[in-house]
Amino acid sequence: LASRENCRVQMLAHESRPIFGTQFHP
């Protein structure tokens, strides 16, 4: 869902389940 040059995976989501993750702290 989101990426940065120094950290490719900033935010991701499961394709079919309500599971999400972030590297940063909103």
PDB file of all heavy atoms in Angstrom:
ATOM      1  N   LEU A   1       0.816  -1.217   0.000  1.00  0.00           N
ATOM      2  CA  LEU A   1       0.000   0.000   0.000  1.00  0.00           C
ATOM      3  C   LEU A   1       0.850   1.268   0.000  1.00  0.00           C
ATOM      4  O   LEU A   1       0.404   2.313  -0.478  1.00  0.00           O
ATOM      5  CB  LEU A   1      -0.927   0.023   1.221  1.00  0.00           C
ATOM      6  CG  LEU A   1      -1.946  -1.102   1.339  1.00  0.00           C
ATOM      7  CD1 LEU A   1      -2.737  -0.954   2.629  1.00  0.00           C
ATOM      8  CD2 LEU A   1      -2.862  -1.137   0.141  1.00  0.00           C
ATOM      9  N   ALA A   2       2.057   1.212   0.575  1.00  0.00           N
ATOM     10  CA  ALA A   2       2.925   2.392   0.628  1.00  0.00           C
ATOM     11  C   ALA A   2       4.374   1.927   0.726  1.00  0.00           C
ATOM     12  O   ALA A   2       4.667   0.900   1.331  1.00  0.00           O
ATOM     13  CB  ALA A   2       2.573   3.271   1.823  1.00  0.00           C
ATOM     14  N   SER A   3       5.271   2.708   0.119  1.00  0.00           N
ATOM     15  CA  SER A   3       6.691   2.376   0.185  1.00  0.00           C
ATOM     16  C   SER A   3       7.529   3.648   0.176  1.00  0.00           C
ATOM     17  O   SER A   3       7.027   4.729  -0.115  1.00  0.00           O
ATOM     18  CB  SER A   3       7.086   1.479  -0.995  1.00  0.00           C
ATOM     19  OG  SER A   3       6.956   2.176  -2.204  1.00  0.00           O
ATOM     20  N   ARG A   4       8.797   3.470   0.528  1.00  0.00           N
ATOM     21  CA  ARG A   4       9.780   4.556   0.486  1.00  0.00           C
ATOM     22  C   ARG A   4      11.064   3.998  -0.072  1.00  0.00           C
ATOM     23  O   ARG A   4      11.299   2.790  -0.049  1.00  0.00           O
ATOM     24  CB  ARG A   4      10.066   5.089   1.892  1.00  0.00           C
ATOM     25  CG  ARG A   4       8.969   5.942   2.447  1.00  0.00           C
ATOM     26  CD  ARG A   4       9.376   6.553   3.746  1.00  0.00           C
ATOM     27  NE  ARG A   4      10.624   7.290   3.575  1.00  0.00           N
ATOM     28  CZ  ARG A   4      11.259   7.881   4.563  1.00  0.00           C
ATOM     29  NH1 ARG A   4      10.798   7.812   5.777  1.00  0.00           N
ATOM     30  NH2 ARG A   4      12.373   8.525   4.352  1.00  0.00           N
ATOM     31  N   GLU A   5      11.901   4.873  -0.538  1.00  0.00           N
ATOM     32  CA  GLU A   5      13.169   4.439  -1.113  1.00  0.00           C
ATOM     33  C   GLU A   5      14.028   3.682  -0.099  1.00  0.00           C
ATOM     34  O   GLU A   5      14.636   2.673  -0.424  1.00  0.00           O
ATOM     35  CB  GLU A   5      13.926   5.665  -1.639  1.00  0.00           C
ATOM     36  CG  GLU A   5      15.136   5.317  -2.459  1.00  0.00           C
ATOM     37  CD  GLU A   5      15.768   6.553  -3.069  1.00  0.00           C
ATOM     38  OE1 GLU A   5      15.071   7.268  -3.800  1.00  0.00           O
ATOM     39  OE2 GLU A   5      16.952   6.772  -2.803  1.00  0.00           O
ATOM     40  N   ASN A   6      14.077   4.160   1.143  1.00  0.00           N
ATOM     41  CA  ASN A   6      14.945   3.532   2.140  1.00  0.00           C
ATOM     42  C   ASN A   6      14.279   2.370   2.884  1.00  0.00           C
ATOM     43  O   ASN A   6      14.923   1.697   3.681  1.00  0.00           O
ATOM     44  CB  ASN A   6      15.477   4.560   3.129  1.00  0.00           C
ATOM     45  CG  ASN A   6      14.391   5.112   4.038  1.00  0.00           C
ATOM     46  OD1 ASN A   6      13.206   5.052   3.702  1.00  0.00           O
ATOM     47  ND2 ASN A   6      14.780   5.657   5.170  1.00  0.00           N
ATOM     48  N   CYS A   7      12.994   2.142   2.645  1.00  0.00           N
ATOM     49  CA  CYS A   7      12.276   1.030   3.279  1.00  0.00           C
ATOM     50  C   CYS A   7      11.119   0.663   2.364  1.00  0.00           C
ATOM     51  O   CYS A   7      10.075   1.306   2.388  1.00  0.00           O
ATOM     52  CB  CYS A   7      11.777   1.422   4.666  1.00  0.00           C
ATOM     53  SG  CYS A   7      10.875   0.112   5.503  1.00  0.00           S
ATOM     54  N   ARG A   8      11.312  -0.366   1.576  1.00  0.00           N
ATOM     55  CA  ARG A   8      10.340  -0.697   0.530  1.00  0.00           C
ATOM     56  C   ARG A   8       8.935  -0.917   1.061  1.00  0.00           C
ATOM     57  O   ARG A   8       7.973  -0.423   0.505  1.00  0.00           O
ATOM     58  CB  ARG A   8      10.810  -1.930  -0.231  1.00  0.00           C
ATOM     59  CG  ARG A   8       9.783  -2.415  -1.227  1.00  0.00           C
ATOM     60  CD  ARG A   8      10.348  -3.205  -2.343  1.00  0.00           C
ATOM     61  NE  ARG A   8       9.448  -4.106  -3.017  1.00  0.00           N
ATOM     62  CZ  ARG A   8       8.241  -3.835  -3.491  1.00  0.00           C
ATOM     63  NH1 ARG A   8       7.726  -2.657  -3.336  1.00  0.00           N
ATOM     64  NH2 ARG A   8       7.520  -4.739  -4.123  1.00  0.00           N
ATOM     65  N   VAL A   9       8.767  -1.658   2.131  1.00  0.00           N
ATOM     66  CA  VAL A   9       7.432  -1.987   2.638  1.00  0.00           C
ATOM     67  C   VAL A   9       7.093  -1.069   3.818  1.00  0.00           C
ATOM     68  O   VAL A   9       7.542  -1.284   4.939  1.00  0.00           O
ATOM     69  CB  VAL A   9       7.334  -3.472   3.054  1.00  0.00           C
ATOM     70  CG1 VAL A   9       5.938  -3.794   3.552  1.00  0.00           C
ATOM     71  CG2 VAL A   9       7.712  -4.383   1.895  1.00  0.00           C
ATOM     72  N   GLN A  10       6.324  -0.026   3.559  1.00  0.00           N
ATOM     73  CA  GLN A  10       5.875   0.887   4.606  1.00  0.00           C
ATOM     74  C   GLN A  10       4.487   0.517   5.124  1.00  0.00           C
ATOM     75  O   GLN A  10       4.196   0.700   6.288  1.00  0.00           O
ATOM     76  CB  GLN A  10       5.853   2.326   4.089  1.00  0.00           C
ATOM     77  CG  GLN A  10       7.214   2.947   3.945  1.00  0.00           C
ATOM     78  CD  GLN A  10       7.838   3.268   5.273  1.00  0.00           C
ATOM     79  OE1 GLN A  10       7.187   3.670   6.225  1.00  0.00           O
ATOM     80  NE2 GLN A  10       9.136   3.092   5.358  1.00  0.00           N
ATOM     81  N   MET A  11       3.634   0.029   4.232  1.00  0.00           N
ATOM     82  CA  MET A  11       2.284  -0.366   4.627  1.00  0.00           C
ATOM     83  C   MET A  11       1.829  -1.470   3.690  1.00  0.00           C
ATOM     84  O   MET A  11       2.087  -1.425   2.493  1.00  0.00           O
ATOM     85  CB  MET A  11       1.334   0.832   4.541  1.00  0.00           C
ATOM     86  CG  MET A  11      -0.090   0.540   4.975  1.00  0.00           C
ATOM     87  SD  MET A  11      -1.156   2.006   4.872  1.00  0.00           S
ATOM     88  CE  MET A  11      -0.754   2.793   6.414  1.00  0.00           C
ATOM     89  N   LEU A  12       1.167  -2.495   4.259  1.00  0.00           N
ATOM     90  CA  LEU A  12       0.662  -3.594   3.444  1.00  0.00           C
ATOM     91  C   LEU A  12      -0.685  -4.054   3.958  1.00  0.00           C
ATOM     92  O   LEU A  12      -1.094  -3.712   5.062  1.00  0.00           O
ATOM     93  CB  LEU A  12       1.663  -4.753   3.386  1.00  0.00           C
ATOM     94  CG  LEU A  12       2.287  -5.314   4.653  1.00  0.00           C
ATOM     95  CD1 LEU A  12       1.326  -6.121   5.474  1.00  0.00           C
ATOM     96  CD2 LEU A  12       3.474  -6.166   4.287  1.00  0.00           C
ATOM     97  N   ALA A  13      -1.384  -4.815   3.110  1.00  0.00           N
ATOM     98  CA  ALA A  13      -2.704  -5.342   3.461  1.00  0.00           C
ATOM     99  C   ALA A  13      -2.831  -6.755   2.911  1.00  0.00           C
ATOM    100  O   ALA A  13      -2.330  -7.056   1.827  1.00  0.00           O
ATOM    101  CB  ALA A  13      -3.805  -4.470   2.871  1.00  0.00           C
ATOM    102  N   HIS A  14      -3.505  -7.591   3.670  1.00  0.00           N
ATOM    103  CA  HIS A  14      -3.790  -8.935   3.189  1.00  0.00           C
ATOM    104  C   HIS A  14      -4.805  -8.829   2.062  1.00  0.00           C
ATOM    105  O   HIS A  14      -5.677  -7.955   2.076  1.00  0.00           O
ATOM    106  CB  HIS A  14      -4.334  -9.805   4.327  1.00  0.00           C
ATOM    107  CG  HIS A  14      -4.358 -11.259   3.999  1.00  0.00           C
ATOM    108  ND1 HIS A  14      -5.431 -11.854   3.370  1.00  0.00           N
ATOM    109  CD2 HIS A  14      -3.431 -12.226   4.189  1.00  0.00           C
ATOM    110  CE1 HIS A  14      -5.171 -13.140   3.207  1.00  0.00           C
ATOM    111  NE2 HIS A  14      -3.964 -13.388   3.690  1.00  0.00           N
ATOM    112  N   GLU A  15      -4.710  -9.707   1.079  1.00  0.00           N
ATOM    113  CA  GLU A  15      -5.580  -9.627  -0.095  1.00  0.00           C
ATOM    114  C   GLU A  15      -7.036  -9.979   0.199  1.00  0.00           C
ATOM    115  O   GLU A  15      -7.941  -9.490  -0.476  1.00  0.00           O
ATOM    116  CB  GLU A  15      -5.032 -10.512  -1.210  1.00  0.00           C
ATOM    117  CG  GLU A  15      -3.729  -9.984  -1.764  1.00  0.00           C
ATOM    118  CD  GLU A  15      -3.082 -10.903  -2.773  1.00  0.00           C
ATOM    119  OE1 GLU A  15      -3.503 -12.074  -2.898  1.00  0.00           O
ATOM    120  OE2 GLU A  15      -2.133 -10.448  -3.428  1.00  0.00           O
ATOM    121  N   SER A  16      -7.294 -10.823   1.212  1.00  0.00           N
ATOM    122  CA  SER A  16      -8.679 -11.238   1.453  1.00  0.00           C
ATOM    123  C   SER A  16      -9.114 -11.156   2.917  1.00  0.00           C
ATOM    124  O   SER A  16     -10.293 -11.280   3.198  1.00  0.00           O
ATOM    125  CB  SER A  16      -8.891 -12.667   0.946  1.00  0.00           C
ATOM    126  OG  SER A  16      -8.050 -13.562   1.643  1.00  0.00           O
ATOM    127  N   ARG A  17      -8.203 -10.932   3.815  1.00  0.00           N
ATOM    128  CA  ARG A  17      -8.542 -10.853   5.242  1.00  0.00           C
ATOM    129  C   ARG A  17      -8.269  -9.451   5.761  1.00  0.00           C
ATOM    130  O   ARG A  17      -7.429  -8.734   5.205  1.00  0.00           O
ATOM    131  CB  ARG A  17      -7.725 -11.876   6.030  1.00  0.00           C
ATOM    132  CG  ARG A  17      -8.014 -13.308   5.556  1.00  0.00           C
ATOM    133  CD  ARG A  17      -7.175 -14.315   6.264  1.00  0.00           C
ATOM    134  NE  ARG A  17      -7.584 -14.383   7.657  1.00  0.00           N
ATOM    135  CZ  ARG A  17      -6.893 -14.999   8.597  1.00  0.00           C
ATOM    136  NH1 ARG A  17      -5.763 -15.597   8.312  1.00  0.00           N
ATOM    137  NH2 ARG A  17      -7.325 -15.022   9.833  1.00  0.00           N
ATOM    138  N   PRO A  18      -8.917  -9.030   6.833  1.00  0.00           N
ATOM    139  CA  PRO A  18      -8.692  -7.682   7.372  1.00  0.00           C
ATOM    140  C   PRO A  18      -7.424  -7.605   8.220  1.00  0.00           C
ATOM    141  O   PRO A  18      -7.454  -7.400   9.432  1.00  0.00           O
ATOM    142  CB  PRO A  18      -9.955  -7.423   8.200  1.00  0.00           C
ATOM    143  CG  PRO A  18     -10.364  -8.787   8.661  1.00  0.00           C
ATOM    144  CD  PRO A  18      -9.998  -9.723   7.521  1.00  0.00           C
ATOM    145  N   ILE A  19      -6.274  -7.813   7.569  1.00  0.00           N
ATOM    146  CA  ILE A  19      -4.972  -7.755   8.234  1.00  0.00           C
ATOM    147  C   ILE A  19      -4.140  -6.694   7.532  1.00  0.00           C
ATOM    148  O   ILE A  19      -3.970  -6.725   6.316  1.00  0.00           O
ATOM    149  CB  ILE A  19      -4.247  -9.123   8.160  1.00  0.00           C
ATOM    150  CG1 ILE A  19      -5.095 -10.212   8.822  1.00  0.00           C
ATOM    151  CG2 ILE A  19      -2.873  -9.028   8.802  1.00  0.00           C
ATOM    152  CD1 ILE A  19      -4.558 -11.616   8.610  1.00  0.00           C
ATOM    153  N   PHE A  20      -3.624  -5.745   8.318  1.00  0.00           N
ATOM    154  CA  PHE A  20      -2.844  -4.636   7.792  1.00  0.00           C
ATOM    155  C   PHE A  20      -1.584  -4.470   8.627  1.00  0.00           C
ATOM    156  O   PHE A  20      -1.553  -4.871   9.788  1.00  0.00           O
ATOM    157  CB  PHE A  20      -3.637  -3.323   7.850  1.00  0.00           C
ATOM    158  CG  PHE A  20      -4.919  -3.383   7.076  1.00  0.00           C
ATOM    159  CD1 PHE A  20      -6.076  -3.867   7.655  1.00  0.00           C
ATOM    160  CD2 PHE A  20      -4.956  -2.965   5.759  1.00  0.00           C
ATOM    161  CE1 PHE A  20      -7.262  -3.936   6.951  1.00  0.00           C
ATOM    162  CE2 PHE A  20      -6.136  -3.020   5.040  1.00  0.00           C
ATOM    163  CZ  PHE A  20      -7.285  -3.505   5.634  1.00  0.00           C
ATOM    164  N   GLY A  21      -0.560  -3.857   8.055  1.00  0.00           N
ATOM    165  CA  GLY A  21       0.653  -3.575   8.806  1.00  0.00           C
ATOM    166  C   GLY A  21       1.307  -2.308   8.315  1.00  0.00           C
ATOM    167  O   GLY A  21       1.188  -1.943   7.144  1.00  0.00           O
ATOM    168  N   THR A  22       1.984  -1.612   9.235  1.00  0.00           N
ATOM    169  CA  THR A  22       2.741  -0.414   8.870  1.00  0.00           C
ATOM    170  C   THR A  22       4.128  -0.492   9.479  1.00  0.00           C
ATOM    171  O   THR A  22       4.322  -1.073  10.538  1.00  0.00           O
ATOM    172  CB  THR A  22       2.071   0.888   9.375  1.00  0.00           C
ATOM    173  OG1 THR A  22       2.083   0.902  10.800  1.00  0.00           O
ATOM    174  CG2 THR A  22       0.670   1.044   8.866  1.00  0.00           C
ATOM    175  N   GLN A  23       5.087   0.103   8.820  1.00  0.00           N
ATOM    176  CA  GLN A  23       6.443   0.235   9.354  1.00  0.00           C
ATOM    177  C   GLN A  23       6.547   1.521  10.158  1.00  0.00           C
ATOM    178  O   GLN A  23       7.302   1.612  11.089  1.00  0.00           O
ATOM    179  CB  GLN A  23       7.461   0.243   8.203  1.00  0.00           C
ATOM    180  CG  GLN A  23       8.885   0.522   8.624  1.00  0.00           C
ATOM    181  CD  GLN A  23       9.496  -0.569   9.488  1.00  0.00           C
ATOM    182  OE1 GLN A  23       9.116  -1.720   9.387  1.00  0.00           O
ATOM    183  NE2 GLN A  23      10.422  -0.209  10.336  1.00  0.00           N
ATOM    184  N   PHE A  24       5.760   2.508   9.789  1.00  0.00           N
ATOM    185  CA  PHE A  24       5.808   3.799  10.470  1.00  0.00           C
ATOM    186  C   PHE A  24       4.723   3.862  11.546  1.00  0.00           C
ATOM    187  O   PHE A  24       3.888   2.976  11.660  1.00  0.00           O
ATOM    188  CB  PHE A  24       5.664   4.952   9.466  1.00  0.00           C
ATOM    189  CG  PHE A  24       4.331   4.992   8.766  1.00  0.00           C
ATOM    190  CD1 PHE A  24       3.323   5.814   9.235  1.00  0.00           C
ATOM    191  CD2 PHE A  24       4.091   4.216   7.647  1.00  0.00           C
ATOM    192  CE1 PHE A  24       2.094   5.852   8.593  1.00  0.00           C
ATOM    193  CE2 PHE A  24       2.874   4.256   6.999  1.00  0.00           C
ATOM    194  CZ  PHE A  24       1.873   5.071   7.480  1.00  0.00           C
ATOM    195  N   HIS A  25       4.765   4.905  12.356  1.00  0.00           N
ATOM    196  CA  HIS A  25       3.834   5.063  13.476  1.00  0.00           C
ATOM    197  C   HIS A  25       2.934   6.277  13.262  1.00  0.00           C
ATOM    198  O   HIS A  25       3.263   7.377  13.692  1.00  0.00           O
ATOM    199  CB  HIS A  25       4.626   5.220  14.785  1.00  0.00           C
ATOM    200  CG  HIS A  25       5.399   4.010  15.145  1.00  0.00           C
ATOM    201  ND1 HIS A  25       4.877   3.021  15.927  1.00  0.00           N
ATOM    202  CD2 HIS A  25       6.641   3.604  14.796  1.00  0.00           C
ATOM    203  CE1 HIS A  25       5.763   2.056  16.070  1.00  0.00           C
ATOM    204  NE2 HIS A  25       6.838   2.384  15.390  1.00  0.00           N
ATOM    205  N   PRO A  26       1.785   6.092  12.602  1.00  0.00           N
ATOM    206  CA  PRO A  26       0.909   7.245  12.357  1.00  0.00           C
ATOM    207  C   PRO A  26       0.399   7.881  13.653  1.00  0.00           C
ATOM    208  O   PRO A  26       0.136   9.080  13.684  1.00  0.00           O
ATOM    209  CB  PRO A  26      -0.235   6.665  11.526  1.00  0.00           C
ATOM    210  CG  PRO A  26      -0.180   5.201  11.725  1.00  0.00           C
ATOM    211  CD  PRO A  26       1.244   4.866  12.043  1.00  0.00           C
TER     212      PRO A  26
END
